[in-house]
Amino acid sequence: MKHRLIVLPDDTAEPLLSAIAGARKSLRVKMFLFSDPALLKALESARKRGVEVRVMLNPARRDGEADNLATKRKLEAADIEVRDSNPEFDVTHEKSMVVDDKAAFVKSLNWVTKNLTETRDYAVVTTEKKEVGEIIDCFEADWKRKAFKASKNGELIWCKGNGRDRICKFIDEAQHTLFVQNERYQDAVIIERLVRAHERGVKVHVMARPPHKLKKEKLTEGVGGLRILNDVGIKVHKLKHLKLHAKMLLADHSRAVVGSINLTPGSFDSRRELAIEVYAANVVERLTRVAHHDWKHSHPLDLTDAGLMAELEEHHVDGSEELALRAEPKRK
């Protein structure tokens, strides 16, 4: 079994902690956000027993907020090699880990406690030699600030690179059903592909975060994308009891994409991102169960002017002018 699935928060951090505890030779970690104490302690323990541990952290968000500075200092104090991610990219949003050059973790989750306990997230573990090798090659290239060339024929999906084309192809090939879980729907090309899938008879299920969770500068794009999908008849839902952080597509209950890629122009064109396309029955079957469970435990987003205005007002978000929302006229 060369691929397996981790589902958060169901599986907890245990699979990650066990993998780190089992490392004998090396650990490579590339992460957007890292602050979870248990994972930090696990890396420190690995280093103490002689494992070569290297960590690459995104230095700051686009707004300049440096989330990983405290973790970086703790890692350095534990004699762990740590570097900022490759400055070629606006942001390194990839979340990956390679253990002993044998197993690679491709994840949607950050190493922060809330992504381990409060959010719907996924990781695919691959022991496929070619896939593990390619993730190592990218890590080494980014570590050394060198160019990385992704494989054209593999199952890994990289940004910048082949991300938009690969996800468009994935959507275009859906024949019956398509489940999409993502925080943001802002890329016009992806939205068009989802609309086309719906128009050719694919039953499309879109799960998104509530609009008030979007940053104000992304509110227009984000809500606009969701309203286009809703206007053509695609069902757009939000989870009831969990926060959505996953980036997952499931087509025809037979193949899936899992990784770090948000459906936004920035993710495709200026960020380092990683996802993996999988066909393994054990992975797809579990994703199918989780997708149907989440859909059952969700409810439609109210994307009408009145619904959006009520949500933004409830959460004290100023965005009605940017969205050109209009209150419904009073009936005579």
C-alpha atoms as a PDB file:
ATOM      1  CA  MET A   1       0.000   0.000   0.000  1.00  0.00           C
ATOM      2  CA  LYS A   2       1.925   2.999  -1.308  1.00  0.00           C
ATOM      3  CA  HIS A   3      -0.588   5.690  -0.328  1.00  0.00           C
ATOM      4  CA  ARG A   4      -2.617   6.253   2.808  1.00  0.00           C
ATOM      5  CA  LEU A   5      -4.824   9.031   4.078  1.00  0.00           C
ATOM      6  CA  ILE A   6      -4.791  11.025   7.304  1.00  0.00           C
ATOM      7  CA  VAL A   7      -8.004  12.866   8.186  1.00  0.00           C
ATOM      8  CA  LEU A   8      -8.042  15.701  10.706  1.00  0.00           C
ATOM      9  CA  PRO A   9      -9.227  16.161  13.340  1.00  0.00           C
ATOM     10  CA  ASP A  10     -10.387  12.513  13.379  1.00  0.00           C
ATOM     11  CA  ASP A  11      -6.914  10.954  13.370  1.00  0.00           C
ATOM     12  CA  THR A  12      -5.331  13.565  15.664  1.00  0.00           C
ATOM     13  CA  ALA A  13      -1.623  14.396  15.436  1.00  0.00           C
ATOM     14  CA  GLU A  14      -0.647  10.818  16.258  1.00  0.00           C
ATOM     15  CA  PRO A  15       0.294   9.695  12.694  1.00  0.00           C
ATOM     16  CA  LEU A  16       2.619  12.683  12.360  1.00  0.00           C
ATOM     17  CA  LEU A  17       4.151  12.197  15.812  1.00  0.00           C
ATOM     18  CA  SER A  18       4.628   8.477  15.177  1.00  0.00           C
ATOM     19  CA  ALA A  19       6.351   9.130  11.860  1.00  0.00           C
ATOM     20  CA  ILE A  20       8.744  11.611  13.479  1.00  0.00           C
ATOM     21  CA  ALA A  21       9.395   9.224  16.388  1.00  0.00           C
ATOM     22  CA  GLY A  22      10.196   6.474  13.886  1.00  0.00           C
ATOM     23  CA  ALA A  23      12.712   8.511  11.896  1.00  0.00           C
ATOM     24  CA  ARG A  24      16.219   7.052  12.017  1.00  0.00           C
ATOM     25  CA  LYS A  25      18.136   9.030   9.422  1.00  0.00           C
ATOM     26  CA  SER A  26      16.585  12.304   8.306  1.00  0.00           C
ATOM     27  CA  LEU A  27      13.564  14.588   8.432  1.00  0.00           C
ATOM     28  CA  ARG A  28      12.775  17.342   5.941  1.00  0.00           C
ATOM     29  CA  VAL A  29       9.910  19.668   6.883  1.00  0.00           C
ATOM     30  CA  LYS A  30       8.547  22.513   4.783  1.00  0.00           C
ATOM     31  CA  MET A  31       5.769  24.468   6.461  1.00  0.00           C
ATOM     32  CA  PHE A  32       3.713  27.637   6.120  1.00  0.00           C
ATOM     33  CA  LEU A  33       2.839  27.902   9.837  1.00  0.00           C
ATOM     34  CA  PHE A  34       4.463  25.954  12.684  1.00  0.00           C
ATOM     35  CA  SER A  35       3.723  26.486  16.361  1.00  0.00           C
ATOM     36  CA  ASP A  36       2.286  23.231  17.767  1.00  0.00           C
ATOM     37  CA  PRO A  37       4.248  22.310  20.939  1.00  0.00           C
ATOM     38  CA  ALA A  38       3.929  18.530  20.529  1.00  0.00           C
ATOM     39  CA  LEU A  39       5.317  18.552  16.998  1.00  0.00           C
ATOM     40  CA  LEU A  40       8.101  20.916  18.028  1.00  0.00           C
ATOM     41  CA  LYS A  41       9.035  18.595  20.900  1.00  0.00           C
ATOM     42  CA  ALA A  42       8.986  15.595  18.539  1.00  0.00           C
ATOM     43  CA  LEU A  43      11.503  17.272  16.213  1.00  0.00           C
ATOM     44  CA  GLU A  44      13.697  18.210  19.154  1.00  0.00           C
ATOM     45  CA  SER A  45      13.657  14.576  20.348  1.00  0.00           C
ATOM     46  CA  ALA A  46      14.558  13.345  16.874  1.00  0.00           C
ATOM     47  CA  ARG A  47      17.534  15.677  16.744  1.00  0.00           C
ATOM     48  CA  LYS A  48      18.722  14.515  20.190  1.00  0.00           C
ATOM     49  CA  ARG A  49      18.835  10.910  19.024  1.00  0.00           C
ATOM     50  CA  GLY A  50      20.979  11.847  16.029  1.00  0.00           C
ATOM     51  CA  VAL A  51      18.450  12.357  13.224  1.00  0.00           C
ATOM     52  CA  GLU A  52      19.368  15.048  10.701  1.00  0.00           C
ATOM     53  CA  VAL A  53      16.456  17.495  10.938  1.00  0.00           C
ATOM     54  CA  ARG A  54      16.034  20.349   8.478  1.00  0.00           C
ATOM     55  CA  VAL A  55      13.062  22.711   8.570  1.00  0.00           C
ATOM     56  CA  MET A  56      12.054  25.335   6.020  1.00  0.00           C
ATOM     57  CA  LEU A  57       9.544  27.913   7.233  1.00  0.00           C
ATOM     58  CA  ASN A  58       7.657  30.632   5.426  1.00  0.00           C
ATOM     59  CA  PRO A  59       9.151  33.808   6.934  1.00  0.00           C
ATOM     60  CA  ALA A  60       6.093  36.053   6.727  1.00  0.00           C
ATOM     61  CA  ARG A  61       2.630  36.425   5.276  1.00  0.00           C
ATOM     62  CA  ARG A  62       2.041  38.884   2.448  1.00  0.00           C
ATOM     63  CA  ASP A  63       0.965  41.506   5.009  1.00  0.00           C
ATOM     64  CA  GLY A  64       4.350  41.165   6.719  1.00  0.00           C
ATOM     65  CA  GLU A  65       3.170  39.221   9.776  1.00  0.00           C
ATOM     66  CA  ALA A  66       5.994  36.902  10.873  1.00  0.00           C
ATOM     67  CA  ASP A  67       4.169  33.948  12.432  1.00  0.00           C
ATOM     68  CA  ASN A  68       7.101  31.533  12.655  1.00  0.00           C
ATOM     69  CA  LEU A  69       9.754  33.642  14.354  1.00  0.00           C
ATOM     70  CA  ALA A  70       9.350  32.140  17.838  1.00  0.00           C
ATOM     71  CA  THR A  71       9.372  28.590  16.442  1.00  0.00           C
ATOM     72  CA  LYS A  72      12.459  29.346  14.391  1.00  0.00           C
ATOM     73  CA  ARG A  73      14.314  30.458  17.517  1.00  0.00           C
ATOM     74  CA  LYS A  74      13.265  27.322  19.413  1.00  0.00           C
ATOM     75  CA  LEU A  75      14.405  25.076  16.568  1.00  0.00           C
ATOM     76  CA  GLU A  76      17.776  26.833  16.384  1.00  0.00           C
ATOM     77  CA  ALA A  77      18.161  26.468  20.148  1.00  0.00           C
ATOM     78  CA  ALA A  78      17.614  22.709  19.704  1.00  0.00           C
ATOM     79  CA  ASP A  79      20.451  22.535  17.142  1.00  0.00           C
ATOM     80  CA  ILE A  80      17.995  22.015  14.284  1.00  0.00           C
ATOM     81  CA  GLU A  81      18.847  23.505  10.907  1.00  0.00           C
ATOM     82  CA  VAL A  82      16.135  25.961   9.934  1.00  0.00           C
ATOM     83  CA  ARG A  83      15.900  28.353   7.005  1.00  0.00           C
ATOM     84  CA  ASP A  84      13.413  30.737   5.526  1.00  0.00           C
ATOM     85  CA  SER A  85      11.663  29.357   2.475  1.00  0.00           C
ATOM     86  CA  ASN A  86      12.727  30.283  -1.043  1.00  0.00           C
ATOM     87  CA  PRO A  87      12.335  34.067  -1.619  1.00  0.00           C
ATOM     88  CA  GLU A  88      11.494  33.397  -5.261  1.00  0.00           C
ATOM     89  CA  PHE A  89       7.896  32.916  -4.115  1.00  0.00           C
ATOM     90  CA  ASP A  90       5.618  35.511  -2.533  1.00  0.00           C
ATOM     91  CA  VAL A  91       4.674  32.844   0.004  1.00  0.00           C
ATOM     92  CA  THR A  92       5.633  29.210   0.529  1.00  0.00           C
ATOM     93  CA  HIS A  93       2.295  27.617   1.343  1.00  0.00           C
ATOM     94  CA  GLU A  94       3.457  24.019   0.798  1.00  0.00           C
ATOM     95  CA  LYS A  95       3.062  21.747   3.819  1.00  0.00           C
ATOM     96  CA  SER A  96       5.231  18.636   3.479  1.00  0.00           C
ATOM     97  CA  MET A  97       7.467  16.251   5.394  1.00  0.00           C
ATOM     98  CA  VAL A  98       9.861  13.545   4.184  1.00  0.00           C
ATOM     99  CA  VAL A  99      10.969  10.809   6.596  1.00  0.00           C
ATOM    100  CA  ASP A 100      14.220   8.886   5.996  1.00  0.00           C
ATOM    101  CA  ASP A 101      13.966   9.484   2.229  1.00  0.00           C
ATOM    102  CA  LYS A 102      11.259   6.782   2.194  1.00  0.00           C
ATOM    103  CA  ALA A 103       7.897   8.376   3.022  1.00  0.00           C
ATOM    104  CA  ALA A 104       6.526  11.805   2.132  1.00  0.00           C
ATOM    105  CA  PHE A 105       3.551  13.602   3.647  1.00  0.00           C
ATOM    106  CA  VAL A 106       1.573  15.943   1.345  1.00  0.00           C
ATOM    107  CA  LYS A 107      -0.736  18.012   3.513  1.00  0.00           C
ATOM    108  CA  SER A 108      -3.379  20.707   3.659  1.00  0.00           C
ATOM    109  CA  LEU A 109      -2.742  21.281   7.358  1.00  0.00           C
ATOM    110  CA  ASN A 110      -0.300  23.613   9.021  1.00  0.00           C
ATOM    111  CA  TRP A 111       1.559  22.467  12.103  1.00  0.00           C
ATOM    112  CA  VAL A 112      -0.584  24.606  14.374  1.00  0.00           C
ATOM    113  CA  THR A 113      -2.778  23.138  17.087  1.00  0.00           C
ATOM    114  CA  LYS A 114      -6.067  24.332  15.603  1.00  0.00           C
ATOM    115  CA  ASN A 115      -5.382  22.477  12.322  1.00  0.00           C
ATOM    116  CA  LEU A 116      -4.867  19.306  14.335  1.00  0.00           C
ATOM    117  CA  THR A 117      -7.931  19.682  16.555  1.00  0.00           C
ATOM    118  CA  GLU A 118     -10.512  22.061  15.064  1.00  0.00           C
ATOM    119  CA  THR A 119     -10.384  22.012  11.273  1.00  0.00           C
ATOM    120  CA  ARG A 120     -11.187  19.588   8.470  1.00  0.00           C
ATOM    121  CA  ASP A 121      -7.806  18.837   6.941  1.00  0.00           C
ATOM    122  CA  TYR A 122      -6.071  16.007   5.125  1.00  0.00           C
ATOM    123  CA  ALA A 123      -2.656  14.525   4.448  1.00  0.00           C
ATOM    124  CA  VAL A 124      -1.669  11.850   1.949  1.00  0.00           C
ATOM    125  CA  VAL A 125       1.348   9.738   2.839  1.00  0.00           C
ATOM    126  CA  THR A 126       3.201   8.331  -0.164  1.00  0.00           C
ATOM    127  CA  THR A 127       5.982   5.764  -0.257  1.00  0.00           C
ATOM    128  CA  GLU A 128       6.069   5.770  -4.058  1.00  0.00           C
ATOM    129  CA  LYS A 129       9.782   6.165  -4.780  1.00  0.00           C
ATOM    130  CA  LYS A 130       9.390   8.604  -7.670  1.00  0.00           C
ATOM    131  CA  GLU A 131       7.008  10.875  -5.725  1.00  0.00           C
ATOM    132  CA  VAL A 132       9.178  10.877  -2.599  1.00  0.00           C
ATOM    133  CA  GLY A 133      12.227  11.640  -4.730  1.00  0.00           C
ATOM    134  CA  GLU A 134      10.544  14.573  -6.445  1.00  0.00           C
ATOM    135  CA  ILE A 135       9.495  16.120  -3.119  1.00  0.00           C
ATOM    136  CA  ILE A 136      13.078  15.714  -1.887  1.00  0.00           C
ATOM    137  CA  ASP A 137      14.393  17.344  -5.078  1.00  0.00           C
ATOM    138  CA  CYS A 138      12.113  20.344  -4.573  1.00  0.00           C
ATOM    139  CA  PHE A 139      13.104  20.647  -0.920  1.00  0.00           C
ATOM    140  CA  GLU A 140      16.803  20.600  -1.809  1.00  0.00           C
ATOM    141  CA  ALA A 141      16.303  23.109  -4.620  1.00  0.00           C
ATOM    142  CA  ASP A 142      14.419  25.518  -2.361  1.00  0.00           C
ATOM    143  CA  TRP A 143      16.920  24.975   0.465  1.00  0.00           C
ATOM    144  CA  LYS A 144      19.815  25.851  -1.843  1.00  0.00           C
ATOM    145  CA  ARG A 145      17.877  28.553  -3.754  1.00  0.00           C
ATOM    146  CA  LYS A 146      18.166  26.686  -7.032  1.00  0.00           C
ATOM    147  CA  ALA A 147      15.689  26.088  -9.838  1.00  0.00           C
ATOM    148  CA  PHE A 148      13.367  23.085  -9.554  1.00  0.00           C
ATOM    149  CA  LYS A 149      11.767  21.398 -12.546  1.00  0.00           C
ATOM    150  CA  ALA A 150       8.697  19.306 -11.788  1.00  0.00           C
ATOM    151  CA  SER A 151       7.979  16.055 -13.556  1.00  0.00           C
ATOM    152  CA  LYS A 152       5.428  16.391 -16.363  1.00  0.00           C
ATOM    153  CA  ASN A 153       4.031  12.895 -16.036  1.00  0.00           C
ATOM    154  CA  GLY A 154       3.880  12.362 -12.276  1.00  0.00           C
ATOM    155  CA  GLU A 155       1.025  12.558  -9.818  1.00  0.00           C
ATOM    156  CA  LEU A 156       2.437  15.550  -7.938  1.00  0.00           C
ATOM    157  CA  ILE A 157       0.971  18.986  -8.651  1.00  0.00           C
ATOM    158  CA  TRP A 158       3.222  22.007  -8.155  1.00  0.00           C
ATOM    159  CA  CYS A 159       2.763  25.770  -8.037  1.00  0.00           C
ATOM    160  CA  LYS A 160       4.182  27.768  -9.564  1.00  0.00           C
ATOM    161  CA  GLY A 161       4.097  25.345 -12.409  1.00  0.00           C
ATOM    162  CA  ASN A 162       1.450  22.933 -13.563  1.00  0.00           C
ATOM    163  CA  GLY A 163      -1.125  23.566 -10.832  1.00  0.00           C
ATOM    164  CA  ARG A 164      -3.884  25.349 -12.729  1.00  0.00           C
ATOM    165  CA  ASP A 165      -3.614  23.085 -15.783  1.00  0.00           C
ATOM    166  CA  ARG A 166      -3.672  19.918 -13.693  1.00  0.00           C
ATOM    167  CA  ILE A 167      -6.654  20.905 -11.580  1.00  0.00           C
ATOM    168  CA  CYS A 168      -8.561  22.095 -14.657  1.00  0.00           C
ATOM    169  CA  LYS A 169      -7.866  18.728 -16.302  1.00  0.00           C
ATOM    170  CA  PHE A 170      -9.027  16.929 -13.173  1.00  0.00           C
ATOM    171  CA  ILE A 171     -12.333  18.849 -13.191  1.00  0.00           C
ATOM    172  CA  ASP A 172     -12.772  18.470 -16.957  1.00  0.00           C
ATOM    173  CA  GLU A 173     -12.489  14.680 -16.703  1.00  0.00           C
ATOM    174  CA  ALA A 174     -15.203  14.350 -14.035  1.00  0.00           C
ATOM    175  CA  GLN A 175     -18.194  12.488 -15.453  1.00  0.00           C
ATOM    176  CA  HIS A 176     -20.736  12.007 -12.651  1.00  0.00           C
ATOM    177  CA  THR A 177     -19.878  13.618  -9.314  1.00  0.00           C
ATOM    178  CA  LEU A 178     -17.426  16.184  -8.021  1.00  0.00           C
ATOM    179  CA  PHE A 179     -16.883  17.149  -4.382  1.00  0.00           C
ATOM    180  CA  VAL A 180     -14.724  20.217  -3.773  1.00  0.00           C
ATOM    181  CA  GLN A 181     -13.581  21.400  -0.354  1.00  0.00           C
ATOM    182  CA  ASN A 182     -11.597  24.640  -0.370  1.00  0.00           C
ATOM    183  CA  GLU A 183     -11.412  27.850   1.589  1.00  0.00           C
ATOM    184  CA  ARG A 184     -11.476  30.174  -1.399  1.00  0.00           C
ATOM    185  CA  TYR A 185     -12.920  30.204  -4.910  1.00  0.00           C
ATOM    186  CA  GLN A 186     -11.334  33.164  -6.672  1.00  0.00           C
ATOM    187  CA  ASP A 187      -9.592  31.857  -9.777  1.00  0.00           C
ATOM    188  CA  ALA A 188     -11.725  32.667 -12.829  1.00  0.00           C
ATOM    189  CA  VAL A 189     -10.443  29.710 -14.861  1.00  0.00           C
ATOM    190  CA  ILE A 190     -11.254  27.194 -12.132  1.00  0.00           C
ATOM    191  CA  ILE A 191     -14.704  28.724 -11.606  1.00  0.00           C
ATOM    192  CA  GLU A 192     -15.365  28.417 -15.334  1.00  0.00           C
ATOM    193  CA  ARG A 193     -14.370  24.739 -15.277  1.00  0.00           C
ATOM    194  CA  LEU A 194     -16.713  24.047 -12.356  1.00  0.00           C
ATOM    195  CA  VAL A 195     -19.549  25.784 -14.213  1.00  0.00           C
ATOM    196  CA  ARG A 196     -18.855  23.726 -17.338  1.00  0.00           C
ATOM    197  CA  ALA A 197     -18.831  20.517 -15.304  1.00  0.00           C
ATOM    198  CA  HIS A 198     -22.245  21.417 -13.909  1.00  0.00           C
ATOM    199  CA  GLU A 199     -23.581  22.244 -17.367  1.00  0.00           C
ATOM    200  CA  ARG A 200     -22.539  18.871 -18.787  1.00  0.00           C
ATOM    201  CA  GLY A 201     -24.430  17.082 -16.023  1.00  0.00           C
ATOM    202  CA  VAL A 202     -21.826  16.499 -13.316  1.00  0.00           C
ATOM    203  CA  LYS A 203     -23.320  16.761  -9.827  1.00  0.00           C
ATOM    204  CA  VAL A 204     -21.013  19.337  -8.245  1.00  0.00           C
ATOM    205  CA  HIS A 205     -20.852  19.783  -4.466  1.00  0.00           C
ATOM    206  CA  VAL A 206     -18.904  22.851  -3.338  1.00  0.00           C
ATOM    207  CA  MET A 207     -17.931  23.362   0.280  1.00  0.00           C
ATOM    208  CA  ALA A 208     -16.456  26.718   1.297  1.00  0.00           C
ATOM    209  CA  ARG A 209     -15.785  28.897   4.306  1.00  0.00           C
ATOM    210  CA  PRO A 210     -18.390  31.540   5.196  1.00  0.00           C
ATOM    211  CA  PRO A 211     -17.774  34.866   3.405  1.00  0.00           C
ATOM    212  CA  HIS A 212     -17.133  36.778   6.637  1.00  0.00           C
ATOM    213  CA  LYS A 213     -13.977  34.678   7.105  1.00  0.00           C
ATOM    214  CA  LEU A 214     -12.424  36.211   3.981  1.00  0.00           C
ATOM    215  CA  LYS A 215     -10.025  39.106   4.300  1.00  0.00           C
ATOM    216  CA  LYS A 216     -11.607  42.372   3.206  1.00  0.00           C
ATOM    217  CA  GLU A 217      -9.291  42.775   0.222  1.00  0.00           C
ATOM    218  CA  LYS A 218     -10.347  39.307  -0.995  1.00  0.00           C
ATOM    219  CA  LEU A 219     -14.043  39.648  -0.176  1.00  0.00           C
ATOM    220  CA  THR A 220     -15.154  40.786  -3.628  1.00  0.00           C
ATOM    221  CA  GLU A 221     -13.330  38.004  -5.489  1.00  0.00           C
ATOM    222  CA  GLY A 222     -14.270  35.328  -2.986  1.00  0.00           C
ATOM    223  CA  VAL A 223     -17.950  36.119  -2.727  1.00  0.00           C
ATOM    224  CA  GLY A 224     -18.151  36.806  -6.464  1.00  0.00           C
ATOM    225  CA  GLY A 225     -16.816  33.336  -7.246  1.00  0.00           C
ATOM    226  CA  LEU A 226     -19.246  31.648  -4.866  1.00  0.00           C
ATOM    227  CA  ARG A 227     -22.197  33.618  -6.227  1.00  0.00           C
ATOM    228  CA  ILE A 228     -21.369  32.629  -9.806  1.00  0.00           C
ATOM    229  CA  LEU A 229     -21.378  28.967  -8.780  1.00  0.00           C
ATOM    230  CA  ASN A 230     -24.594  29.425  -6.831  1.00  0.00           C
ATOM    231  CA  ASP A 231     -26.286  31.346  -9.682  1.00  0.00           C
ATOM    232  CA  VAL A 232     -25.805  28.485 -12.162  1.00  0.00           C
ATOM    233  CA  GLY A 233     -27.281  25.971  -9.735  1.00  0.00           C
ATOM    234  CA  ILE A 234     -24.198  24.507  -8.041  1.00  0.00           C
ATOM    235  CA  LYS A 235     -24.846  23.814  -4.373  1.00  0.00           C
ATOM    236  CA  VAL A 236     -22.515  25.780  -2.090  1.00  0.00           C
ATOM    237  CA  HIS A 237     -22.381  24.669   1.553  1.00  0.00           C
ATOM    238  CA  LYS A 238     -20.469  25.328   4.751  1.00  0.00           C
ATOM    239  CA  LEU A 239     -19.622  22.857   7.520  1.00  0.00           C
ATOM    240  CA  LYS A 240     -21.738  22.989  10.655  1.00  0.00           C
ATOM    241  CA  HIS A 241     -19.422  21.790  13.404  1.00  0.00           C
ATOM    242  CA  LEU A 242     -15.921  22.082  11.972  1.00  0.00           C
ATOM    243  CA  LYS A 243     -13.913  24.839  10.365  1.00  0.00           C
ATOM    244  CA  LEU A 244     -12.928  24.123   6.782  1.00  0.00           C
ATOM    245  CA  HIS A 245      -9.233  24.367   5.967  1.00  0.00           C
ATOM    246  CA  ALA A 246      -8.938  21.426   3.549  1.00  0.00           C
ATOM    247  CA  LYS A 247      -8.013  21.705  -0.118  1.00  0.00           C
ATOM    248  CA  MET A 248      -9.512  18.585  -1.676  1.00  0.00           C
ATOM    249  CA  LEU A 249     -11.235  17.504  -4.905  1.00  0.00           C
ATOM    250  CA  LEU A 250     -12.938  14.113  -5.301  1.00  0.00           C
ATOM    251  CA  ALA A 251     -14.185  13.024  -8.740  1.00  0.00           C
ATOM    252  CA  ASP A 252     -16.531  10.138  -9.493  1.00  0.00           C
ATOM    253  CA  HIS A 253     -15.605   8.455  -6.207  1.00  0.00           C
ATOM    254  CA  SER A 254     -12.529   7.131  -8.017  1.00  0.00           C
ATOM    255  CA  ARG A 255      -9.743   9.743  -7.841  1.00  0.00           C
ATOM    256  CA  ALA A 256      -8.811  12.704  -5.689  1.00  0.00           C
ATOM    257  CA  VAL A 257      -6.482  15.671  -5.269  1.00  0.00           C
ATOM    258  CA  VAL A 258      -5.218  16.618  -1.795  1.00  0.00           C
ATOM    259  CA  GLY A 259      -2.713  19.299  -0.879  1.00  0.00           C
ATOM    260  CA  SER A 260      -2.115  22.941  -0.035  1.00  0.00           C
ATOM    261  CA  ILE A 261      -3.539  24.678  -3.126  1.00  0.00           C
ATOM    262  CA  ASN A 262      -6.295  27.243  -2.647  1.00  0.00           C
ATOM    263  CA  LEU A 263      -8.337  27.950  -5.768  1.00  0.00           C
ATOM    264  CA  THR A 264      -6.934  31.457  -6.184  1.00  0.00           C
ATOM    265  CA  PRO A 265      -4.717  33.206  -8.755  1.00  0.00           C
ATOM    266  CA  GLY A 266      -2.064  33.811  -6.113  1.00  0.00           C
ATOM    267  CA  SER A 267      -1.768  30.143  -5.242  1.00  0.00           C
ATOM    268  CA  PHE A 268      -1.328  29.161  -8.879  1.00  0.00           C
ATOM    269  CA  ASP A 269       0.882  32.005 -10.064  1.00  0.00           C
ATOM    270  CA  SER A 270       3.109  33.241  -7.232  1.00  0.00           C
ATOM    271  CA  ARG A 271       3.216  30.720  -4.378  1.00  0.00           C
ATOM    272  CA  ARG A 272       5.052  27.492  -3.715  1.00  0.00           C
ATOM    273  CA  GLU A 273       2.274  24.907  -3.372  1.00  0.00           C
ATOM    274  CA  LEU A 274       2.091  21.113  -3.474  1.00  0.00           C
ATOM    275  CA  ALA A 275      -0.749  18.646  -3.999  1.00  0.00           C
ATOM    276  CA  ILE A 276      -1.002  15.018  -5.049  1.00  0.00           C
ATOM    277  CA  GLU A 277      -3.470  13.196  -7.285  1.00  0.00           C
ATOM    278  CA  VAL A 278      -4.349   9.752  -5.952  1.00  0.00           C
ATOM    279  CA  TYR A 279      -6.272   6.757  -7.243  1.00  0.00           C
ATOM    280  CA  ALA A 280      -5.523   4.306  -4.422  1.00  0.00           C
ATOM    281  CA  ALA A 281      -8.764   2.610  -3.378  1.00  0.00           C
ATOM    282  CA  ASN A 282      -8.082   2.885   0.372  1.00  0.00           C
ATOM    283  CA  VAL A 283      -7.554   6.650   0.075  1.00  0.00           C
ATOM    284  CA  VAL A 284     -10.465   7.340  -2.273  1.00  0.00           C
ATOM    285  CA  GLU A 285     -12.914   5.181  -0.314  1.00  0.00           C
ATOM    286  CA  ARG A 286     -12.170   6.987   2.922  1.00  0.00           C
ATOM    287  CA  LEU A 287     -12.307  10.399   1.269  1.00  0.00           C
ATOM    288  CA  THR A 288     -15.683   9.429  -0.169  1.00  0.00           C
ATOM    289  CA  ARG A 289     -17.005   8.561   3.295  1.00  0.00           C
ATOM    290  CA  VAL A 290     -15.677  11.799   4.775  1.00  0.00           C
ATOM    291  CA  ALA A 291     -16.978  13.943   1.888  1.00  0.00           C
ATOM    292  CA  HIS A 292     -20.486  12.497   2.199  1.00  0.00           C
ATOM    293  CA  HIS A 293     -20.381  12.838   5.994  1.00  0.00           C
ATOM    294  CA  ASP A 294     -19.312  16.470   5.739  1.00  0.00           C
ATOM    295  CA  TRP A 295     -21.973  17.234   3.139  1.00  0.00           C
ATOM    296  CA  LYS A 296     -24.624  15.672   5.372  1.00  0.00           C
ATOM    297  CA  HIS A 297     -23.402  17.815   8.276  1.00  0.00           C
ATOM    298  CA  SER A 298     -23.386  21.091   6.360  1.00  0.00           C
ATOM    299  CA  HIS A 299     -25.925  23.649   5.252  1.00  0.00           C
ATOM    300  CA  PRO A 300     -26.257  25.972   2.257  1.00  0.00           C
ATOM    301  CA  LEU A 301     -24.578  29.347   2.296  1.00  0.00           C
ATOM    302  CA  ASP A 302     -27.088  32.168   1.920  1.00  0.00           C
ATOM    303  CA  LEU A 303     -25.507  34.156  -0.904  1.00  0.00           C
ATOM    304  CA  THR A 304     -28.403  36.535  -1.520  1.00  0.00           C
ATOM    305  CA  ASP A 305     -27.849  40.233  -0.865  1.00  0.00           C
ATOM    306  CA  ALA A 306     -29.963  40.006   2.257  1.00  0.00           C
ATOM    307  CA  GLY A 307     -28.185  36.896   3.493  1.00  0.00           C
ATOM    308  CA  LEU A 308     -24.725  38.340   2.921  1.00  0.00           C
ATOM    309  CA  MET A 309     -25.625  41.647   4.547  1.00  0.00           C
ATOM    310  CA  ALA A 310     -26.980  39.841   7.612  1.00  0.00           C
ATOM    311  CA  GLU A 311     -23.850  37.696   7.923  1.00  0.00           C
ATOM    312  CA  LEU A 312     -21.449  40.608   7.536  1.00  0.00           C
ATOM    313  CA  GLU A 313     -23.385  42.702  10.045  1.00  0.00           C
ATOM    314  CA  GLU A 314     -23.539  39.817  12.535  1.00  0.00           C
ATOM    315  CA  HIS A 315     -19.763  39.421  12.422  1.00  0.00           C
ATOM    316  CA  HIS A 316     -19.054  43.168  12.221  1.00  0.00           C
ATOM    317  CA  VAL A 317     -17.449  42.955   8.793  1.00  0.00           C
ATOM    318  CA  ASP A 318     -17.613  46.106   6.650  1.00  0.00           C
ATOM    319  CA  GLY A 319     -18.039  44.869   3.105  1.00  0.00           C
ATOM    320  CA  SER A 320     -21.490  45.686   1.787  1.00  0.00           C
ATOM    321  CA  GLU A 321     -20.201  48.570  -0.345  1.00  0.00           C
ATOM    322  CA  GLU A 322     -17.402  46.489  -1.920  1.00  0.00           C
ATOM    323  CA  LEU A 323     -19.952  43.776  -2.766  1.00  0.00           C
ATOM    324  CA  ALA A 324     -22.522  46.307  -4.027  1.00  0.00           C
ATOM    325  CA  LEU A 325     -25.120  44.728  -1.757  1.00  0.00           C
ATOM    326  CA  ARG A 326     -28.585  46.236  -1.736  1.00  0.00           C
ATOM    327  CA  ALA A 327     -31.239  45.866   0.885  1.00  0.00           C
ATOM    328  CA  GLU A 328     -34.455  44.431  -0.479  1.00  0.00           C
ATOM    329  CA  PRO A 329     -37.052  47.127  -1.120  1.00  0.00           C
ATOM    330  CA  LYS A 330     -39.981  47.153   1.236  1.00  0.00           C
ATOM    331  CA  ARG A 331     -43.136  45.731  -0.225  1.00  0.00           C
ATOM    332  CA  LYS A 332     -46.126  48.006  -0.458  1.00  0.00           C
END
